[in-house]
Each structure stands twice: as structure tokens, then as C-alpha cells.
């Protein structure tokens, strides 16, 4: 059984029976650059996944610490007449997000009452390594908890790690945009806010006096570099001059190189 409550949980999947995985690539993009972007003019984020060469897009509006779902392109267009509450960030165990918005395809309305509740936090151990700092959320349908669960990065409202249902577990190390690899999952750094408008805070986990950082765009090009030192367990980096989009932060502390994803939206 998969633990579905608690804090500092270690989900150990190193000895489970595995099946042949399907190729899933997760994408984050500017809404205007996606096919259905013009249908969601108020969207701030488009988050999708590519499965067997088909790309499914969902469109969101991120307002302060609250993520709203506006609809998606699933072959047929799903449009919500009012935004659907998706999640409040940062995640808090027991903080149930419920929505009752009306959403329709070309045909009849879809079910309008559902919710997501964070129920556990911890790390995932799998044959390829560790996925640290994740939260497990449980899906609700019509006010009733279901057997469907999803893992997300604790420092990101959009980045999915995997799901658990019907005694099956699906895991993936999510991508953050075309051209940005997910290096060194064991040393991944938490960042906030997501997205950052002018400054991003990086949790480095301890005092450090001589840190070198570089930010790389989706093509891997260096867009800015600098030296800094931590204040307590964190550093702050100015991103006000960067274009909107996804970046990879590389942070060198002595001989230790660590990584983080940074999303910029002015």
C-alpha cells in the first residue's frame, strides 16, 4: 500500500514491479505560443503534456498564491465560464480546494464540483534516484474523497511528479520546457514565488559566502551570471530584466553544482 497521510514520508518504489512506460513529456509555455492560446486571453500559464506525439494543453491564471484553471485543449476545447479553483500555494496538509465552476465542451457541461486536498509530504525513492520535496494530493468528486492521488513538487504549483490510483503508480521526472533538462534531481533547489516578476528566492539550505550562479534559457544559453552569498538559508536573484519564460538556475557552491527551475512572468 502507498502511504497517503503524514509528513516526511519516504515513498519507496525501488522494489516494485514495473511495466513498460509510455513516453510522457511535460511542457510549460507562454499561452500565446500554444494552438489554443487565443481562446484563453486571460491565461498566464499553459501547461501540457505530450503523450505518443499528441499534446494536451491546460490553461491557467496564477493570481498571487492561487492557481485557477480556465480550460484546456483535449482535441475538443473545454471552456470554463468562470475560473476553476485548482490550488492554493504553498501547499498545506488538509487545505481542501473546492470549485463549482461550469465548464463545457462542444457538447454538454462536464461535472462541475471537484477538489484537491494535500494529504502528505515527503520524498520519492525510485530505481533512478530520489525525487525530493513532494506533496501528495487527493482528488475529490462531488464533495467525496476518491482513490485518485497526484504528486507535485512542493515549490511549484504546476509541476507534476506522478500519480497513484487503482493500485498503480506512475512516476516521471518532469521537464520544465523544451531544451531544459532536469539535471541532478537529488540536488534540486526550491524557489519562490512561481512565477517571479522581479526577484526569485532560492532556498539553499544553509549559510554560504561564495556562491556562483548562472541562468540558462530554454535553448541552454546563458542569460545572466553573478556571485552572491546566502542570507540565512536563502539567496535572492534579480530577474527583472529577463524575458517571460522558463529558465534553469545552476548554482555552484565550492565544488557542488545544484539546479533549480525558475519561471519569470512580469
C-alpha atoms as a PDB file:
ATOM      1  CA  UNK A   1       0.000   0.000   0.000  1.00  0.00           C
ATOM      2  CA  UNK A   2       1.138   3.540  -0.739  1.00  0.00           C
ATOM      3  CA  UNK A   3       1.204   5.830   2.340  1.00  0.00           C
ATOM      4  CA  UNK A   4      -1.367   8.581   1.848  1.00  0.00           C
ATOM      5  CA  UNK A   5      -1.001  10.568   5.074  1.00  0.00           C
ATOM      6  CA  UNK A   6       1.804  12.106   7.088  1.00  0.00           C
ATOM      7  CA  UNK A   7       4.857  14.327   6.787  1.00  0.00           C
ATOM      8  CA  UNK A   8       8.433  13.397   5.875  1.00  0.00           C
ATOM      9  CA  UNK A   9       7.088  10.251   4.207  1.00  0.00           C
ATOM     10  CA  UNK A  10       9.520   8.169   2.150  1.00  0.00           C
ATOM     11  CA  UNK A  11       7.660   6.594  -0.774  1.00  0.00           C
ATOM     12  CA  UNK A  12       9.980   3.719  -1.657  1.00  0.00           C
ATOM     13  CA  UNK A  13       9.333   2.256  -5.111  1.00  0.00           C
ATOM     14  CA  UNK A  14      12.749   0.680  -5.642  1.00  0.00           C
ATOM     15  CA  UNK A  15      11.405  -2.896  -5.360  1.00  0.00           C
ATOM     16  CA  UNK A  16       8.080  -2.611  -7.160  1.00  0.00           C
ATOM     17  CA  UNK A  17       7.183  -4.490 -10.325  1.00  0.00           C
ATOM     18  CA  UNK A  18       7.420  -2.141 -13.285  1.00  0.00           C
ATOM     19  CA  UNK A  19       5.717  -2.159 -16.660  1.00  0.00           C
ATOM     20  CA  UNK A  20       6.798  -0.696 -19.965  1.00  0.00           C
ATOM     21  CA  UNK A  21       6.318   3.071 -19.577  1.00  0.00           C
ATOM     22  CA  UNK A  22       4.637   5.349 -22.054  1.00  0.00           C
ATOM     23  CA  UNK A  23       6.643   8.331 -23.202  1.00  0.00           C
ATOM     24  CA  UNK A  24       5.328  11.423 -21.391  1.00  0.00           C
ATOM     25  CA  UNK A  25       6.946  14.836 -21.712  1.00  0.00           C
ATOM     26  CA  UNK A  26       5.670  17.733 -19.632  1.00  0.00           C
ATOM     27  CA  UNK A  27       5.792  21.229 -21.069  1.00  0.00           C
ATOM     28  CA  UNK A  28       5.295  24.744 -19.752  1.00  0.00           C
ATOM     29  CA  UNK A  29       4.866  27.569 -22.210  1.00  0.00           C
ATOM     30  CA  UNK A  30       3.623  31.074 -22.771  1.00  0.00           C
ATOM     31  CA  UNK A  31      -0.124  30.734 -23.579  1.00  0.00           C
ATOM     32  CA  UNK A  32       0.130  32.774 -26.787  1.00  0.00           C
ATOM     33  CA  UNK A  33       2.631  30.301 -28.245  1.00  0.00           C
ATOM     34  CA  UNK A  34       0.223  27.352 -27.998  1.00  0.00           C
ATOM     35  CA  UNK A  35      -2.504  26.375 -30.509  1.00  0.00           C
ATOM     36  CA  UNK A  36      -5.497  27.250 -28.317  1.00  0.00           C
ATOM     37  CA  UNK A  37      -3.868  30.239 -26.638  1.00  0.00           C
ATOM     38  CA  UNK A  38      -6.145  32.841 -28.297  1.00  0.00           C
ATOM     39  CA  UNK A  39      -9.163  31.084 -26.749  1.00  0.00           C
ATOM     40  CA  UNK A  40      -7.801  31.854 -23.249  1.00  0.00           C
ATOM     41  CA  UNK A  41      -6.838  35.567 -23.329  1.00  0.00           C
ATOM     42  CA  UNK A  42      -6.638  35.840 -19.524  1.00  0.00           C
ATOM     43  CA  UNK A  43      -4.283  32.864 -19.106  1.00  0.00           C
ATOM     44  CA  UNK A  44      -0.867  33.459 -17.560  1.00  0.00           C
ATOM     45  CA  UNK A  45       0.392  29.872 -17.997  1.00  0.00           C
ATOM     46  CA  UNK A  46      -0.094  26.985 -20.369  1.00  0.00           C
ATOM     47  CA  UNK A  47       0.899  23.601 -19.009  1.00  0.00           C
ATOM     48  CA  UNK A  48       0.675  20.484 -21.107  1.00  0.00           C
ATOM     49  CA  UNK A  49       1.975  17.036 -21.726  1.00  0.00           C
ATOM     50  CA  UNK A  50       2.966  15.154 -24.841  1.00  0.00           C
ATOM     51  CA  UNK A  51       1.857  11.513 -24.948  1.00  0.00           C
ATOM     52  CA  UNK A  52       2.541   9.385 -28.016  1.00  0.00           C
ATOM     53  CA  UNK A  53       3.037  12.501 -30.165  1.00  0.00           C
ATOM     54  CA  UNK A  54      -0.264  14.085 -29.047  1.00  0.00           C
ATOM     55  CA  UNK A  55      -0.019  17.246 -26.943  1.00  0.00           C
ATOM     56  CA  UNK A  56      -2.718  18.086 -24.401  1.00  0.00           C
ATOM     57  CA  UNK A  57      -2.742  21.665 -23.092  1.00  0.00           C
ATOM     58  CA  UNK A  58      -4.354  23.146 -19.987  1.00  0.00           C
ATOM     59  CA  UNK A  59      -4.595  26.902 -19.415  1.00  0.00           C
ATOM     60  CA  UNK A  60      -4.280  28.627 -16.054  1.00  0.00           C
ATOM     61  CA  UNK A  61      -4.355  32.046 -14.423  1.00  0.00           C
ATOM     62  CA  UNK A  62      -1.962  32.377 -11.491  1.00  0.00           C
ATOM     63  CA  UNK A  63      -3.027  35.219  -9.187  1.00  0.00           C
ATOM     64  CA  UNK A  64      -0.720  35.722  -6.205  1.00  0.00           C
ATOM     65  CA  UNK A  65      -0.758  32.334  -4.430  1.00  0.00           C
ATOM     66  CA  UNK A  66      -3.866  30.908  -6.113  1.00  0.00           C
ATOM     67  CA  UNK A  67      -3.980  28.873  -9.332  1.00  0.00           C
ATOM     68  CA  UNK A  68      -7.152  28.970 -11.440  1.00  0.00           C
ATOM     69  CA  UNK A  69      -7.952  26.555 -14.279  1.00  0.00           C
ATOM     70  CA  UNK A  70      -9.531  28.191 -17.324  1.00  0.00           C
ATOM     71  CA  UNK A  71      -9.957  25.138 -19.532  1.00  0.00           C
ATOM     72  CA  UNK A  72      -7.963  23.104 -21.989  1.00  0.00           C
ATOM     73  CA  UNK A  73      -7.428  21.713 -25.447  1.00  0.00           C
ATOM     74  CA  UNK A  74      -8.099  17.960 -25.359  1.00  0.00           C
ATOM     75  CA  UNK A  75      -8.936  17.579 -29.041  1.00  0.00           C
ATOM     76  CA  UNK A  76     -12.238  19.278 -28.230  1.00  0.00           C
ATOM     77  CA  UNK A  77     -11.953  22.611 -26.462  1.00  0.00           C
ATOM     78  CA  UNK A  78     -13.006  22.779 -22.800  1.00  0.00           C
ATOM     79  CA  UNK A  79     -14.082  26.283 -21.775  1.00  0.00           C
ATOM     80  CA  UNK A  80     -14.946  27.337 -18.215  1.00  0.00           C
ATOM     81  CA  UNK A  81     -17.419  30.191 -17.882  1.00  0.00           C
ATOM     82  CA  UNK A  82     -15.736  31.085 -14.576  1.00  0.00           C
ATOM     83  CA  UNK A  83     -12.255  30.034 -13.426  1.00  0.00           C
ATOM     84  CA  UNK A  84     -11.994  26.742 -11.530  1.00  0.00           C
ATOM     85  CA  UNK A  85     -10.049  26.890  -8.271  1.00  0.00           C
ATOM     86  CA  UNK A  86      -7.149  24.472  -8.690  1.00  0.00           C
ATOM     87  CA  UNK A  87      -4.713  25.020  -5.825  1.00  0.00           C
ATOM     88  CA  UNK A  88      -3.554  27.478  -3.196  1.00  0.00           C
ATOM     89  CA  UNK A  89       0.228  27.745  -2.815  1.00  0.00           C
ATOM     90  CA  UNK A  90       2.160  26.966  -0.690  1.00  0.00           C
ATOM     91  CA  UNK A  91       0.591  23.567  -0.120  1.00  0.00           C
ATOM     92  CA  UNK A  92      -0.829  22.918   3.363  1.00  0.00           C
ATOM     93  CA  UNK A  93      -1.980  19.490   4.516  1.00  0.00           C
ATOM     94  CA  UNK A  94      -5.767  19.383   4.873  1.00  0.00           C
ATOM     95  CA  UNK A  95      -6.298  22.598   2.885  1.00  0.00           C
ATOM     96  CA  UNK A  96      -9.060  21.418   0.527  1.00  0.00           C
ATOM     97  CA  UNK A  97      -9.527  23.489  -2.618  1.00  0.00           C
ATOM     98  CA  UNK A  98     -13.059  23.048  -3.982  1.00  0.00           C
ATOM     99  CA  UNK A  99     -14.643  24.585  -7.060  1.00  0.00           C
ATOM    100  CA  UNK A 100     -18.112  24.605  -8.581  1.00  0.00           C
ATOM    101  CA  UNK A 101     -17.424  26.406 -11.858  1.00  0.00           C
ATOM    102  CA  UNK A 102     -19.285  25.486 -15.041  1.00  0.00           C
ATOM    103  CA  UNK A 103     -17.156  24.098 -17.864  1.00  0.00           C
ATOM    104  CA  UNK A 104     -18.383  22.831 -21.231  1.00  0.00           C
ATOM    105  CA  UNK A 105     -17.019  21.037 -24.262  1.00  0.00           C
ATOM    106  CA  UNK A 106     -18.680  21.465 -27.605  1.00  0.00           C
ATOM    107  CA  UNK A 107     -21.349  19.198 -26.127  1.00  0.00           C
ATOM    108  CA  UNK A 108     -22.877  19.063 -22.615  1.00  0.00           C
ATOM    109  CA  UNK A 109     -21.331  20.516 -19.425  1.00  0.00           C
ATOM    110  CA  UNK A 110     -18.795  18.434 -17.547  1.00  0.00           C
ATOM    111  CA  UNK A 111     -19.067  17.669 -13.826  1.00  0.00           C
ATOM    112  CA  UNK A 112     -18.641  20.986 -12.032  1.00  0.00           C
ATOM    113  CA  UNK A 113     -17.873  20.045  -8.427  1.00  0.00           C
ATOM    114  CA  UNK A 114     -14.462  18.695  -7.562  1.00  0.00           C
ATOM    115  CA  UNK A 115     -11.499  19.455  -5.330  1.00  0.00           C
ATOM    116  CA  UNK A 116      -7.895  18.711  -4.400  1.00  0.00           C
ATOM    117  CA  UNK A 117      -6.586  18.213  -0.863  1.00  0.00           C
ATOM    118  CA  UNK A 118      -2.885  17.959   0.097  1.00  0.00           C
ATOM    119  CA  UNK A 119      -2.622  14.921   2.384  1.00  0.00           C
ATOM    120  CA  UNK A 120       1.093  14.085   2.756  1.00  0.00           C
ATOM    121  CA  UNK A 121       4.606  15.405   2.115  1.00  0.00           C
ATOM    122  CA  UNK A 122       7.951  13.691   1.703  1.00  0.00           C
ATOM    123  CA  UNK A 123      10.406  12.216  -0.825  1.00  0.00           C
ATOM    124  CA  UNK A 124      10.025   9.567  -3.535  1.00  0.00           C
ATOM    125  CA  UNK A 125      12.697   6.878  -3.877  1.00  0.00           C
ATOM    126  CA  UNK A 126      12.792   5.055  -7.213  1.00  0.00           C
ATOM    127  CA  UNK A 127      15.377   2.984  -9.120  1.00  0.00           C
ATOM    128  CA  UNK A 128      16.823   6.066 -10.809  1.00  0.00           C
ATOM    129  CA  UNK A 129      17.311   8.118  -7.628  1.00  0.00           C
ATOM    130  CA  UNK A 130      15.227  10.425  -5.447  1.00  0.00           C
ATOM    131  CA  UNK A 131      12.535  12.984  -6.187  1.00  0.00           C
ATOM    132  CA  UNK A 132      12.737  15.277  -3.137  1.00  0.00           C
ATOM    133  CA  UNK A 133      10.250  17.641  -1.532  1.00  0.00           C
ATOM    134  CA  UNK A 134       6.956  16.490  -2.996  1.00  0.00           C
ATOM    135  CA  UNK A 135       3.365  16.763  -1.827  1.00  0.00           C
ATOM    136  CA  UNK A 136       0.678  14.113  -2.359  1.00  0.00           C
ATOM    137  CA  UNK A 137      -2.785  15.487  -3.100  1.00  0.00           C
ATOM    138  CA  UNK A 138      -6.088  13.611  -3.134  1.00  0.00           C
ATOM    139  CA  UNK A 139      -8.835  14.302  -5.640  1.00  0.00           C
ATOM    140  CA  UNK A 140     -12.424  14.907  -4.526  1.00  0.00           C
ATOM    141  CA  UNK A 141     -15.544  14.401  -6.638  1.00  0.00           C
ATOM    142  CA  UNK A 142     -18.878  15.947  -5.612  1.00  0.00           C
ATOM    143  CA  UNK A 143     -17.535  16.555  -2.108  1.00  0.00           C
ATOM    144  CA  UNK A 144     -16.374  12.942  -1.655  1.00  0.00           C
ATOM    145  CA  UNK A 145     -12.693  11.873  -1.474  1.00  0.00           C
ATOM    146  CA  UNK A 146     -11.667   9.499  -4.268  1.00  0.00           C
ATOM    147  CA  UNK A 147      -8.883   6.955  -4.690  1.00  0.00           C
ATOM    148  CA  UNK A 148      -7.013   9.192  -7.133  1.00  0.00           C
ATOM    149  CA  UNK A 149      -3.799  10.875  -5.930  1.00  0.00           C
ATOM    150  CA  UNK A 150      -1.182  13.084  -7.566  1.00  0.00           C
ATOM    151  CA  UNK A 151       2.325  14.114  -6.515  1.00  0.00           C
ATOM    152  CA  UNK A 152       3.605  17.636  -7.168  1.00  0.00           C
ATOM    153  CA  UNK A 153       6.833  19.495  -6.484  1.00  0.00           C
ATOM    154  CA  UNK A 154       6.270  21.426  -3.255  1.00  0.00           C
ATOM    155  CA  UNK A 155       7.895  24.539  -4.726  1.00  0.00           C
ATOM    156  CA  UNK A 156       5.777  24.654  -7.880  1.00  0.00           C
ATOM    157  CA  UNK A 157       2.033  24.780  -8.465  1.00  0.00           C
ATOM    158  CA  UNK A 158       2.266  23.371 -12.000  1.00  0.00           C
ATOM    159  CA  UNK A 159       4.978  20.705 -11.957  1.00  0.00           C
ATOM    160  CA  UNK A 160       3.528  17.214 -11.661  1.00  0.00           C
ATOM    161  CA  UNK A 161       5.685  14.306 -10.439  1.00  0.00           C
ATOM    162  CA  UNK A 162       3.322  11.367 -10.862  1.00  0.00           C
ATOM    163  CA  UNK A 163       0.037   9.809  -9.810  1.00  0.00           C
ATOM    164  CA  UNK A 164      -1.336   6.876  -7.850  1.00  0.00           C
ATOM    165  CA  UNK A 165      -4.656   5.133  -8.396  1.00  0.00           C
ATOM    166  CA  UNK A 166      -6.152   1.646  -8.659  1.00  0.00           C
ATOM    167  CA  UNK A 167      -3.060   0.138  -7.032  1.00  0.00           C
ATOM    168  CA  UNK A 168      -0.850   1.522  -9.797  1.00  0.00           C
ATOM    169  CA  UNK A 169       1.870   4.182  -9.579  1.00  0.00           C
ATOM    170  CA  UNK A 170       3.095   6.353 -12.437  1.00  0.00           C
ATOM    171  CA  UNK A 171       6.238   8.415 -11.880  1.00  0.00           C
ATOM    172  CA  UNK A 172       8.200  10.784 -14.043  1.00  0.00           C
ATOM    173  CA  UNK A 173      10.930  13.359 -13.553  1.00  0.00           C
ATOM    174  CA  UNK A 174       9.090  16.324 -15.071  1.00  0.00           C
ATOM    175  CA  UNK A 175      10.607  18.627 -17.641  1.00  0.00           C
ATOM    176  CA  UNK A 176      10.402  22.384 -17.356  1.00  0.00           C
ATOM    177  CA  UNK A 177      10.309  23.300 -21.016  1.00  0.00           C
ATOM    178  CA  UNK A 178      11.840  22.182 -24.279  1.00  0.00           C
ATOM    179  CA  UNK A 179      15.637  22.259 -24.112  1.00  0.00           C
ATOM    180  CA  UNK A 180      15.932  22.432 -20.294  1.00  0.00           C
ATOM    181  CA  UNK A 181      16.994  19.067 -18.853  1.00  0.00           C
ATOM    182  CA  UNK A 182      16.141  18.007 -15.316  1.00  0.00           C
ATOM    183  CA  UNK A 183      19.708  17.644 -14.018  1.00  0.00           C
ATOM    184  CA  UNK A 184      20.580  16.276 -10.610  1.00  0.00           C
ATOM    185  CA  UNK A 185      17.150  15.549  -9.125  1.00  0.00           C
ATOM    186  CA  UNK A 186      18.812  14.742  -5.797  1.00  0.00           C
ATOM    187  CA  UNK A 187      20.177  18.289  -5.530  1.00  0.00           C
ATOM    188  CA  UNK A 188      17.151  20.176  -6.812  1.00  0.00           C
ATOM    189  CA  UNK A 189      16.621  23.548  -5.133  1.00  0.00           C
ATOM    190  CA  UNK A 190      13.281  25.077  -4.150  1.00  0.00           C
ATOM    191  CA  UNK A 191      12.402  28.528  -5.485  1.00  0.00           C
ATOM    192  CA  UNK A 192       9.609  31.032  -4.986  1.00  0.00           C
ATOM    193  CA  UNK A 193       7.488  32.851  -5.994  1.00  0.00           C
ATOM    194  CA  UNK A 194       6.266  30.886  -9.010  1.00  0.00           C
ATOM    195  CA  UNK A 195       6.290  32.773 -11.268  1.00  0.00           C
ATOM    196  CA  UNK A 196       8.716  35.528 -10.233  1.00  0.00           C
ATOM    197  CA  UNK A 197       8.151  39.048 -11.518  1.00  0.00           C
ATOM    198  CA  UNK A 198      11.263  40.902 -10.354  1.00  0.00           C
ATOM    199  CA  UNK A 199      13.157  38.718  -7.861  1.00  0.00           C
ATOM    200  CA  UNK A 200      13.351  34.992  -7.178  1.00  0.00           C
ATOM    201  CA  UNK A 201      14.265  33.481  -3.805  1.00  0.00           C
ATOM    202  CA  UNK A 202      16.252  30.235  -3.798  1.00  0.00           C
ATOM    203  CA  UNK A 203      16.348  28.016  -0.686  1.00  0.00           C
ATOM    204  CA  UNK A 204      19.942  26.754  -0.435  1.00  0.00           C
ATOM    205  CA  UNK A 205      19.605  25.003   2.934  1.00  0.00           C
ATOM    206  CA  UNK A 206      22.389  26.729   4.857  1.00  0.00           C
ATOM    207  CA  UNK A 207      24.820  29.638   5.042  1.00  0.00           C
ATOM    208  CA  UNK A 208      27.195  30.084   2.111  1.00  0.00           C
ATOM    209  CA  UNK A 209      29.525  33.023   1.484  1.00  0.00           C
ATOM    210  CA  UNK A 210      30.705  32.473  -2.091  1.00  0.00           C
ATOM    211  CA  UNK A 211      28.079  31.200  -4.498  1.00  0.00           C
ATOM    212  CA  UNK A 212      28.319  31.478  -8.271  1.00  0.00           C
ATOM    213  CA  UNK A 213      25.098  31.255 -10.260  1.00  0.00           C
ATOM    214  CA  UNK A 214      24.063  31.257 -13.905  1.00  0.00           C
ATOM    215  CA  UNK A 215      20.625  31.302 -15.509  1.00  0.00           C
ATOM    216  CA  UNK A 216      20.045  29.455 -18.800  1.00  0.00           C
ATOM    217  CA  UNK A 217      17.177  29.835 -21.238  1.00  0.00           C
ATOM    218  CA  UNK A 218      15.246  27.005 -22.929  1.00  0.00           C
ATOM    219  CA  UNK A 219      17.958  26.670 -25.582  1.00  0.00           C
ATOM    220  CA  UNK A 220      20.647  26.308 -22.905  1.00  0.00           C
ATOM    221  CA  UNK A 221      22.143  29.771 -23.478  1.00  0.00           C
ATOM    222  CA  UNK A 222      23.474  31.736 -20.502  1.00  0.00           C
ATOM    223  CA  UNK A 223      21.341  34.843 -19.936  1.00  0.00           C
ATOM    224  CA  UNK A 224      22.866  36.110 -16.689  1.00  0.00           C
ATOM    225  CA  UNK A 225      25.557  35.219 -14.151  1.00  0.00           C
ATOM    226  CA  UNK A 226      26.704  36.517 -10.786  1.00  0.00           C
ATOM    227  CA  UNK A 227      28.246  35.909  -7.376  1.00  0.00           C
ATOM    228  CA  UNK A 228      26.260  36.109  -4.167  1.00  0.00           C
ATOM    229  CA  UNK A 229      26.066  34.895  -0.583  1.00  0.00           C
ATOM    230  CA  UNK A 230      23.154  33.498   1.344  1.00  0.00           C
ATOM    231  CA  UNK A 231      21.112  35.330   3.944  1.00  0.00           C
ATOM    232  CA  UNK A 232      20.212  32.578   6.366  1.00  0.00           C
ATOM    233  CA  UNK A 233      19.245  29.616   4.204  1.00  0.00           C
ATOM    234  CA  UNK A 234      18.347  31.524   1.039  1.00  0.00           C
ATOM    235  CA  UNK A 235      19.588  33.781  -1.708  1.00  0.00           C
ATOM    236  CA  UNK A 236      17.766  36.294  -3.884  1.00  0.00           C
ATOM    237  CA  UNK A 237      18.400  36.849  -7.576  1.00  0.00           C
ATOM    238  CA  UNK A 238      17.178  39.784  -9.674  1.00  0.00           C
ATOM    239  CA  UNK A 239      15.209  38.559 -12.718  1.00  0.00           C
ATOM    240  CA  UNK A 240      13.527  41.861 -13.592  1.00  0.00           C
ATOM    241  CA  UNK A 241      15.477  42.202 -16.857  1.00  0.00           C
ATOM    242  CA  UNK A 242      14.698  38.691 -18.117  1.00  0.00           C
ATOM    243  CA  UNK A 243      12.008  37.923 -20.664  1.00  0.00           C
ATOM    244  CA  UNK A 244       8.967  35.943 -19.567  1.00  0.00           C
ATOM    245  CA  UNK A 245       9.555  32.214 -19.689  1.00  0.00           C
ATOM    246  CA  UNK A 246      11.234  29.203 -18.097  1.00  0.00           C
ATOM    247  CA  UNK A 247      14.889  29.166 -17.039  1.00  0.00           C
ATOM    248  CA  UNK A 248      17.300  26.770 -15.408  1.00  0.00           C
ATOM    249  CA  UNK A 249      19.352  28.062 -12.482  1.00  0.00           C
ATOM    250  CA  UNK A 250      22.770  26.484 -11.927  1.00  0.00           C
ATOM    251  CA  UNK A 251      24.289  27.237  -8.530  1.00  0.00           C
ATOM    252  CA  UNK A 252      27.913  26.382  -7.742  1.00  0.00           C
ATOM    253  CA  UNK A 253      28.851  26.140  -4.061  1.00  0.00           C
ATOM    254  CA  UNK A 254      32.524  25.199  -3.934  1.00  0.00           C
ATOM    255  CA  UNK A 255      32.640  22.002  -5.979  1.00  0.00           C
ATOM    256  CA  UNK A 256      28.915  21.204  -5.596  1.00  0.00           C
ATOM    257  CA  UNK A 257      26.681  22.092  -8.557  1.00  0.00           C
ATOM    258  CA  UNK A 258      22.914  22.248  -7.914  1.00  0.00           C
ATOM    259  CA  UNK A 259      19.943  23.137 -10.080  1.00  0.00           C
ATOM    260  CA  UNK A 260      16.536  24.800  -9.893  1.00  0.00           C
ATOM    261  CA  UNK A 261      13.761  25.823 -12.238  1.00  0.00           C
ATOM    262  CA  UNK A 262      12.832  29.490 -12.421  1.00  0.00           C
ATOM    263  CA  UNK A 263       9.665  30.817 -14.038  1.00  0.00           C
ATOM    264  CA  UNK A 264       9.555  34.549 -14.916  1.00  0.00           C
ATOM    265  CA  UNK A 265       6.334  36.427 -15.675  1.00  0.00           C
ATOM    266  CA  UNK A 266       6.180  40.237 -15.412  1.00  0.00           C
END
